[in-house]
Amino acid sequence: MSDAEQPLPSLTVRQALKKYNERISVNKRGSKQEKYRASTISKTFLGKLSLSQVTTVNVADYRDMRLASISRNTNRPVSPNTVRLELALLSDLFNIAIVEWGSCTDNPVSRVRKPKIPPGRDRRITWGEERRILRAASKHRNHEIYSIVVLALETAMRQGEILSLQWENIDLRVRIAHLPITKNGSKRDVPLSLRAVDALTRLGVGTQGPVFNYTSDGFKSAWRTMIKRLAIQDLHFHDLRHEAVSRLFELGTLDMMEVATISGHKSMQMLKRYTHLKASNLVAKLDGRKTLNKGKQVISQTIVPYPAALSEGEGEVTLQFMDFEHLRLQGNDLEDVATRARDALLRELVNLVRHSKKAPVPTPPLEYADSAHVVLIDPL
């Protein structure tokens, strides 16, 4: 019998997917997700067929069956994008089996219509939802969840990027978080707002090691539980990244390339999906006015959070601003003192603007990061 007439090695789809996971998926960053998709495919009728038996009809039947299925995680129909990813895995499996394993001669997946991708999500978090989430996160038994939510809204980082942050890659002096590896495979530096810096320093600043102890699955579970308890409908954690990118555009001071540098989007088309801008923020542009005139620039640069030392003793709370010696607030209730501190700081900064005086630069975070009794007071 000639080589051309030799029978092909018999592998079922289930066996081939196991081999694919062990040899191909392990070298990918998304190996965990691919293993889950492979397991899903293996448990269906396709898993029992040999590679050479699978036809376009079988693949189409699998596609339609999955689209009609209910996801166990969300209790909703399996999304078209999920099915597209499963078919992409199956297609690559057949290509590898043809070229490298010699287990089949055809890729039936390549000729089957893929589910149409639905429009990108345009879910924006409302002001009320944000307040409820942050209030609940601040009271959560794991105090890390509050900082994770704030960082998502302030930096547009992905969940995986936030959870993988390392202290040695964060420079609070210049307010930069370095991401040595991201979803698209390239490194990136993310600028940190004062609010983002506060979210990090409240955890206690380290010199090395992970910033967060949450695992991906652990955080997903905590997020779902919190959102369900707050009765907030149809809000994914990834929507916070969408919200953050949209807010960057709505600032009116950054162009698309600058936003892409912060968010890490390589495709301008992908970035466009995240920029569903609020119409109310575009009214000024329709009127022909500049987004930020000189006066607004002065205010936006002056009305910023400032650190204050917090002390408590004998039933009295004291807040002393580190950059304004004359601003010292006292009282019996912390919330009341904090409210009065915000008002006092706002009046002080507005008076400086009114009299064309320069406000002091807020004390750098590194100078007070070791103190557990320093808080940032946001005048707004």
Protein backbone atom coordinates (compact mmCIF):
# COMPACT_ATOMS: atom_id res chain seq x y z
CA MET A 1 0.00 0.00 0.00
CA SER A 2 1.46 3.39 -1.01
CA ASP A 3 1.78 6.35 1.38
CA ALA A 4 -1.11 8.07 -0.39
CA GLU A 5 -3.30 5.05 0.30
CA GLN A 6 -2.40 4.75 4.01
CA PRO A 7 -5.51 5.22 6.23
CA LEU A 8 -5.59 8.40 8.29
CA PRO A 9 -5.13 8.09 12.07
CA SER A 10 -8.59 7.82 13.63
CA LEU A 11 -9.22 10.61 16.16
CA THR A 12 -12.58 11.65 17.52
CA VAL A 13 -13.24 15.36 17.95
CA ARG A 14 -13.05 14.86 21.72
CA GLN A 15 -9.63 13.19 21.46
CA ALA A 16 -8.40 15.80 19.00
CA LEU A 17 -9.50 18.66 21.29
CA LYS A 18 -7.64 17.04 24.21
CA LYS A 19 -4.53 16.80 22.06
CA TYR A 20 -5.03 20.42 20.91
CA ASN A 21 -5.28 21.63 24.50
CA GLU A 22 -2.11 19.79 25.50
CA ARG A 23 -0.02 20.92 22.53
CA ILE A 24 -1.48 24.17 21.21
CA SER A 25 -3.64 25.91 23.82
CA VAL A 26 -1.02 25.69 26.58
CA ASN A 27 1.13 28.17 24.66
CA LYS A 28 -1.66 30.78 24.47
CA ARG A 29 -2.55 33.42 27.07
CA GLY A 30 -6.20 32.42 26.71
CA SER A 31 -5.54 28.74 27.38
CA LYS A 32 -8.02 28.60 30.25
CA GLN A 33 -10.85 29.95 28.09
CA GLU A 34 -9.94 27.60 25.22
CA LYS A 35 -9.97 24.63 27.59
CA TYR A 36 -13.50 25.59 28.66
CA ARG A 37 -14.65 25.93 25.04
CA ALA A 38 -13.08 22.59 24.14
CA SER A 39 -14.88 20.95 27.05
CA THR A 40 -18.19 22.41 25.87
CA ILE A 41 -17.72 21.08 22.33
CA SER A 42 -16.53 17.66 23.54
CA LYS A 43 -19.71 17.06 25.55
CA THR A 44 -21.95 17.47 22.49
CA PHE A 45 -22.67 15.02 19.65
CA LEU A 46 -19.64 16.42 17.79
CA GLY A 47 -17.28 15.01 20.40
CA LYS A 48 -18.18 11.44 19.46
CA LEU A 49 -17.57 11.86 15.71
CA SER A 50 -14.18 11.22 14.16
CA LEU A 51 -12.55 14.23 12.48
CA SER A 52 -12.97 12.71 9.03
CA GLN A 53 -16.71 12.12 9.66
CA VAL A 54 -17.59 15.72 10.51
CA THR A 55 -19.47 17.49 7.73
CA THR A 56 -20.67 21.03 7.17
CA VAL A 57 -24.14 19.84 8.17
CA ASN A 58 -22.80 18.63 11.54
CA VAL A 59 -21.07 21.98 12.16
CA ALA A 60 -24.21 23.93 11.19
CA ASP A 61 -26.31 21.75 13.52
CA TYR A 62 -23.85 22.43 16.35
CA ARG A 63 -24.01 26.17 15.67
CA ASP A 64 -27.81 26.24 15.74
CA MET A 65 -27.99 24.02 18.83
CA ARG A 66 -25.62 26.32 20.76
CA LEU A 67 -27.47 29.47 19.71
CA ALA A 68 -30.68 27.91 21.09
CA SER A 69 -29.00 26.92 24.38
CA ILE A 70 -29.18 28.70 27.74
CA SER A 71 -25.93 29.59 29.47
CA ARG A 72 -25.57 28.14 32.96
CA ASN A 73 -23.60 31.20 34.14
CA THR A 74 -25.97 33.92 32.96
CA ASN A 75 -29.23 31.96 32.62
CA ARG A 76 -29.64 33.67 29.24
CA PRO A 77 -29.23 32.43 25.63
CA VAL A 78 -25.66 31.71 24.60
CA SER A 79 -24.36 34.79 22.78
CA PRO A 80 -23.47 34.71 19.06
CA ASN A 81 -19.94 35.82 19.92
CA THR A 82 -19.50 32.82 22.24
CA VAL A 83 -20.52 30.50 19.40
CA ARG A 84 -18.17 32.31 16.98
CA LEU A 85 -15.27 31.71 19.37
CA GLU A 86 -16.15 28.02 19.68
CA LEU A 87 -16.30 27.66 15.89
CA ALA A 88 -12.98 29.50 15.56
CA LEU A 89 -11.39 26.99 17.94
CA LEU A 90 -12.93 24.11 16.02
CA SER A 91 -11.70 25.54 12.71
CA ASP A 92 -8.14 25.92 13.98
CA LEU A 93 -8.30 22.36 15.30
CA PHE A 94 -9.13 21.06 11.82
CA ASN A 95 -6.36 23.14 10.22
CA ILE A 96 -3.79 21.76 12.68
CA ALA A 97 -5.14 18.21 12.20
CA ILE A 98 -4.77 18.52 8.41
CA VAL A 99 -1.30 20.06 8.28
CA GLU A 100 0.49 18.73 11.35
CA TRP A 101 -1.28 15.55 12.44
CA GLY A 102 -2.50 14.13 9.15
CA SER A 103 -5.77 13.16 10.84
CA CYS A 104 -8.14 14.54 8.20
CA THR A 105 -8.12 16.22 4.80
CA ASP A 106 -10.86 18.83 5.07
CA ASN A 107 -11.96 21.70 7.31
CA PRO A 108 -15.79 21.76 7.16
CA VAL A 109 -15.99 24.69 9.60
CA SER A 110 -14.49 27.04 7.02
CA ARG A 111 -17.57 26.72 4.80
CA VAL A 112 -20.23 27.21 7.46
CA ARG A 113 -21.83 30.60 8.11
CA LYS A 114 -20.77 32.14 11.41
CA PRO A 115 -23.33 33.82 13.69
CA LYS A 116 -23.65 37.52 13.03
CA ILE A 117 -21.87 39.64 15.63
CA PRO A 118 -24.41 41.78 17.50
CA PRO A 119 -23.82 45.53 17.91
CA GLY A 120 -21.25 46.39 20.57
CA ARG A 121 -22.62 46.99 24.06
CA ASP A 122 -23.33 50.64 24.77
CA ARG A 123 -24.23 50.23 28.45
CA ARG A 124 -23.25 53.34 30.40
CA ILE A 125 -23.26 53.30 34.17
CA THR A 126 -25.50 55.99 35.65
CA TRP A 127 -24.43 58.41 38.37
CA GLY A 128 -26.81 56.75 40.84
CA GLU A 129 -25.54 53.25 40.01
CA GLU A 130 -21.95 54.35 40.44
CA ARG A 131 -22.67 55.81 43.88
CA ARG A 132 -24.50 52.67 45.01
CA ILE A 133 -21.73 50.40 43.76
CA LEU A 134 -18.97 52.44 45.40
CA ARG A 135 -20.92 52.65 48.66
CA ALA A 136 -21.45 48.89 48.69
CA ALA A 137 -17.82 48.24 47.69
CA SER A 138 -16.52 50.47 50.48
CA LYS A 139 -18.45 48.38 53.01
CA HIS A 140 -17.50 45.03 51.46
CA ARG A 141 -15.66 42.57 53.71
CA ASN A 142 -12.81 42.57 51.19
CA HIS A 143 -11.67 46.18 50.95
CA GLU A 144 -9.85 45.47 47.66
CA ILE A 145 -13.09 45.49 45.66
CA TYR A 146 -13.55 49.25 46.15
CA SER A 147 -10.08 50.02 44.76
CA ILE A 148 -10.61 47.67 41.81
CA VAL A 149 -13.87 49.40 40.82
CA VAL A 150 -12.32 52.88 41.12
CA LEU A 151 -9.29 51.87 39.04
CA ALA A 152 -11.56 50.47 36.32
CA LEU A 153 -13.49 53.76 36.10
CA GLU A 154 -10.39 55.96 36.28
CA THR A 155 -7.89 54.10 34.09
CA ALA A 156 -9.93 52.04 31.58
CA MET A 157 -7.82 48.99 32.44
CA ARG A 158 -9.28 45.55 31.87
CA GLN A 159 -10.16 43.33 34.82
CA GLY A 160 -7.20 41.04 34.16
CA GLU A 161 -4.82 44.00 33.92
CA ILE A 162 -5.98 45.41 37.24
CA LEU A 163 -5.79 42.08 39.06
CA SER A 164 -2.28 41.45 37.71
CA LEU A 165 -0.86 44.81 38.88
CA GLN A 166 2.47 44.53 40.72
CA TRP A 167 3.77 47.14 43.17
CA GLU A 168 7.19 47.20 41.50
CA ASN A 169 5.48 48.33 38.27
CA ILE A 170 3.68 51.27 39.87
CA ASP A 171 5.40 54.65 40.20
CA LEU A 172 3.24 56.85 42.42
CA ARG A 173 5.70 59.74 42.09
CA VAL A 174 5.02 60.18 38.37
CA ARG A 175 1.59 58.49 38.63
CA ILE A 176 2.16 55.69 36.11
CA ALA A 177 1.19 52.00 36.23
CA HIS A 178 3.29 49.84 33.91
CA LEU A 179 1.61 46.80 32.37
CA PRO A 180 4.40 44.49 31.07
CA ILE A 181 1.91 42.25 29.26
CA THR A 182 -1.66 42.95 28.13
CA LYS A 183 -4.45 41.18 26.25
CA ASN A 184 -3.10 42.23 22.84
CA GLY A 185 0.40 41.05 23.77
CA SER A 186 2.12 44.44 24.07
CA LYS A 187 3.23 46.38 27.13
CA ARG A 188 1.65 49.68 28.10
CA ASP A 189 1.98 52.53 30.60
CA VAL A 190 -1.27 53.77 32.13
CA PRO A 191 -1.49 57.29 33.64
CA LEU A 192 -3.08 57.42 37.11
CA SER A 193 -5.49 60.15 38.14
CA LEU A 194 -5.41 61.42 41.73
CA ARG A 195 -8.49 59.34 42.43
CA ALA A 196 -6.72 56.25 41.07
CA VAL A 197 -3.68 57.00 43.23
CA ASP A 198 -5.95 57.29 46.26
CA ALA A 199 -7.53 53.92 45.39
CA LEU A 200 -4.08 52.35 45.43
CA THR A 201 -2.62 54.06 48.50
CA ARG A 202 -5.64 53.21 50.64
CA LEU A 203 -4.55 49.57 50.33
CA GLY A 204 -1.18 50.34 51.91
CA VAL A 205 1.70 50.89 49.49
CA GLY A 206 4.06 47.97 48.87
CA THR A 207 7.44 47.77 47.17
CA GLN A 208 6.93 44.52 45.32
CA GLY A 209 4.46 41.71 44.77
CA PRO A 210 0.81 41.73 43.68
CA VAL A 211 -1.37 44.72 44.53
CA PHE A 212 -4.51 42.56 44.75
CA ASN A 213 -5.07 39.08 46.15
CA TYR A 214 -8.27 38.43 44.19
CA THR A 215 -8.21 35.67 41.60
CA SER A 216 -10.13 36.24 38.38
CA ASP A 217 -12.88 33.79 39.34
CA GLY A 218 -13.01 35.11 42.90
CA PHE A 219 -13.52 38.68 41.79
CA LYS A 220 -16.10 37.73 39.16
CA SER A 221 -18.10 35.95 41.85
CA ALA A 222 -17.85 38.92 44.25
CA TRP A 223 -18.89 41.35 41.49
CA ARG A 224 -21.91 39.29 40.42
CA THR A 225 -23.05 38.90 44.02
CA MET A 226 -22.74 42.63 44.73
CA ILE A 227 -24.55 43.69 41.54
CA LYS A 228 -27.33 41.18 42.19
CA ARG A 229 -27.74 42.42 45.77
CA LEU A 230 -27.95 46.02 44.52
CA ALA A 231 -30.59 44.95 41.94
CA ILE A 232 -28.66 46.63 39.11
CA GLN A 233 -29.70 45.16 35.79
CA ASP A 234 -27.45 44.19 32.87
CA LEU A 235 -24.17 45.68 34.11
CA HIS A 236 -20.94 43.77 33.43
CA PHE A 237 -17.64 44.70 35.04
CA HIS A 238 -16.23 45.24 31.53
CA ASP A 239 -18.83 48.00 31.10
CA LEU A 240 -16.73 50.07 33.53
CA ARG A 241 -13.91 50.05 30.96
CA HIS A 242 -16.42 51.16 28.34
CA GLU A 243 -17.53 53.94 30.70
CA ALA A 244 -13.95 55.03 31.41
CA VAL A 245 -13.02 55.26 27.72
CA SER A 246 -16.19 57.21 26.97
CA ARG A 247 -15.38 59.66 29.77
CA LEU A 248 -11.87 60.14 28.36
CA PHE A 249 -13.40 61.23 25.07
CA GLU A 250 -15.94 63.44 26.82
CA LEU A 251 -13.13 65.37 28.51
CA GLY A 252 -12.62 67.02 25.13
CA THR A 253 -8.87 67.33 25.73
CA LEU A 254 -7.67 64.00 24.30
CA ASP A 255 -7.64 62.87 20.69
CA MET A 256 -8.30 59.30 19.56
CA MET A 257 -4.63 58.29 19.52
CA GLU A 258 -4.13 59.59 23.07
CA VAL A 259 -7.16 57.67 24.31
CA ALA A 260 -5.88 54.56 22.53
CA THR A 261 -2.53 54.97 24.29
CA ILE A 262 -4.30 54.95 27.66
CA SER A 263 -6.82 52.19 26.91
CA GLY A 264 -4.52 49.92 24.91
CA HIS A 265 -6.82 49.57 21.89
CA LYS A 266 -4.85 48.76 18.74
CA SER A 267 -7.80 48.98 16.38
CA MET A 268 -9.43 52.37 15.94
CA GLN A 269 -12.60 50.54 14.89
CA MET A 270 -12.67 48.67 18.20
CA LEU A 271 -12.06 51.91 20.07
CA LYS A 272 -14.98 53.52 18.24
CA ARG A 273 -17.30 50.88 19.73
CA TYR A 274 -16.51 52.17 23.21
CA THR A 275 -17.16 55.84 22.53
CA HIS A 276 -20.93 56.16 22.80
CA LEU A 277 -20.72 59.74 24.05
CA LYS A 278 -23.46 61.34 26.12
CA ALA A 279 -25.36 63.81 23.95
CA SER A 280 -25.51 66.38 26.75
CA ASN A 281 -21.72 66.61 26.70
CA LEU A 282 -21.74 67.43 22.98
CA VAL A 283 -24.17 70.37 23.09
CA ALA A 284 -21.38 72.91 23.56
CA LYS A 285 -19.64 71.63 20.43
CA LEU A 286 -22.85 71.95 18.40
CA ASP A 287 -23.09 75.56 19.52
CA GLY A 288 -19.61 76.20 18.18
CA ARG A 289 -18.10 76.78 21.62
CA LYS A 290 -14.73 75.40 22.62
CA THR A 291 -14.96 72.40 24.92
CA LEU A 292 -12.65 73.96 27.47
CA ASN A 293 -11.98 77.68 27.42
CA LYS A 294 -9.16 79.23 29.40
CA GLY A 295 -11.32 79.82 32.46
CA LYS A 296 -12.49 76.22 32.54
CA GLN A 297 -8.90 75.05 32.20
CA VAL A 298 -7.86 77.10 35.22
CA ILE A 299 -10.73 75.68 37.27
CA SER A 300 -10.13 72.08 36.17
CA GLN A 301 -6.46 72.41 37.13
CA THR A 302 -7.19 74.08 40.48
CA ILE A 303 -10.26 72.31 41.89
CA VAL A 304 -8.54 69.01 42.64
CA PRO A 305 -8.37 66.69 45.68
CA TYR A 306 -5.93 67.57 48.49
CA PRO A 307 -4.61 65.31 51.29
CA ALA A 308 -5.61 65.88 54.91
CA ALA A 309 -4.31 64.25 58.10
CA LEU A 310 -7.04 62.53 60.10
CA SER A 311 -6.79 62.19 63.87
CA GLU A 312 -9.32 60.93 66.42
CA GLY A 313 -9.24 61.15 70.18
CA GLU A 314 -11.60 61.50 73.14
CA GLY A 315 -14.64 61.51 70.88
CA GLU A 316 -13.32 64.30 68.63
CA VAL A 317 -12.33 64.08 64.98
CA THR A 318 -9.81 66.45 63.42
CA LEU A 319 -8.93 66.95 59.74
CA GLN A 320 -5.84 69.07 59.02
CA PHE A 321 -5.07 69.84 55.37
CA MET A 322 -1.41 69.20 54.62
CA ASP A 323 -1.13 72.01 52.05
CA PHE A 324 -3.26 74.61 53.89
CA GLU A 325 -2.13 75.11 57.49
CA HIS A 326 -5.11 77.33 58.29
CA LEU A 327 -7.66 74.75 57.16
CA ARG A 328 -8.38 72.64 60.23
CA LEU A 329 -11.83 71.10 60.85
CA GLN A 330 -13.01 69.50 64.08
CA GLY A 331 -16.16 67.78 65.26
CA ASN A 332 -17.70 64.70 66.83
CA ASP A 333 -18.84 63.00 63.61
CA LEU A 334 -16.40 61.98 60.87
CA GLU A 335 -18.93 62.32 58.04
CA ASP A 336 -19.90 65.82 59.19
CA VAL A 337 -16.26 66.90 59.47
CA ALA A 338 -15.48 65.47 56.02
CA THR A 339 -18.45 67.34 54.49
CA ARG A 340 -17.35 70.62 56.06
CA ALA A 341 -13.78 69.93 54.93
CA ARG A 342 -14.92 69.58 51.32
CA ASP A 343 -16.84 72.84 51.52
CA ALA A 344 -13.93 74.67 53.14
CA LEU A 345 -11.47 73.37 50.55
CA LEU A 346 -13.78 74.34 47.67
CA ARG A 347 -14.18 77.89 49.03
CA GLU A 348 -10.42 78.19 49.50
CA LEU A 349 -9.64 77.08 45.94
CA VAL A 350 -12.36 79.24 44.38
CA ASN A 351 -11.02 82.29 46.24
CA LEU A 352 -7.54 81.59 44.91
CA VAL A 353 -8.91 81.48 41.36
CA ARG A 354 -10.96 84.64 41.94
CA HIS A 355 -7.89 86.58 43.11
CA SER A 356 -5.66 85.08 40.38
CA LYS A 357 -3.48 83.35 42.94
CA LYS A 358 -1.78 80.04 42.33
CA ALA A 359 -2.96 77.07 44.36
CA PRO A 360 -0.28 74.89 45.98
CA VAL A 361 0.59 71.62 44.30
CA PRO A 362 -0.98 68.76 46.32
CA THR A 363 1.52 66.91 48.51
CA PRO A 364 2.88 63.99 46.42
CA PRO A 365 1.37 60.61 47.40
CA LEU A 366 4.76 59.08 48.21
CA GLU A 367 5.25 61.60 51.01
CA TYR A 368 2.17 60.38 52.87
CA ALA A 369 1.73 56.84 51.50
CA ASP A 370 3.09 55.23 54.67
CA SER A 371 0.52 56.96 56.85
CA ALA A 372 -2.76 55.19 57.55
CA HIS A 373 -4.31 58.46 58.75
CA VAL A 374 -4.18 60.55 55.58
CA VAL A 375 -7.19 60.88 53.27
CA LEU A 376 -7.77 62.72 50.01
CA ILE A 377 -10.53 65.32 50.21
CA ASP A 378 -12.26 65.95 46.89
CA PRO A 379 -13.85 69.45 46.86
CA LEU A 380 -16.39 68.31 44.26
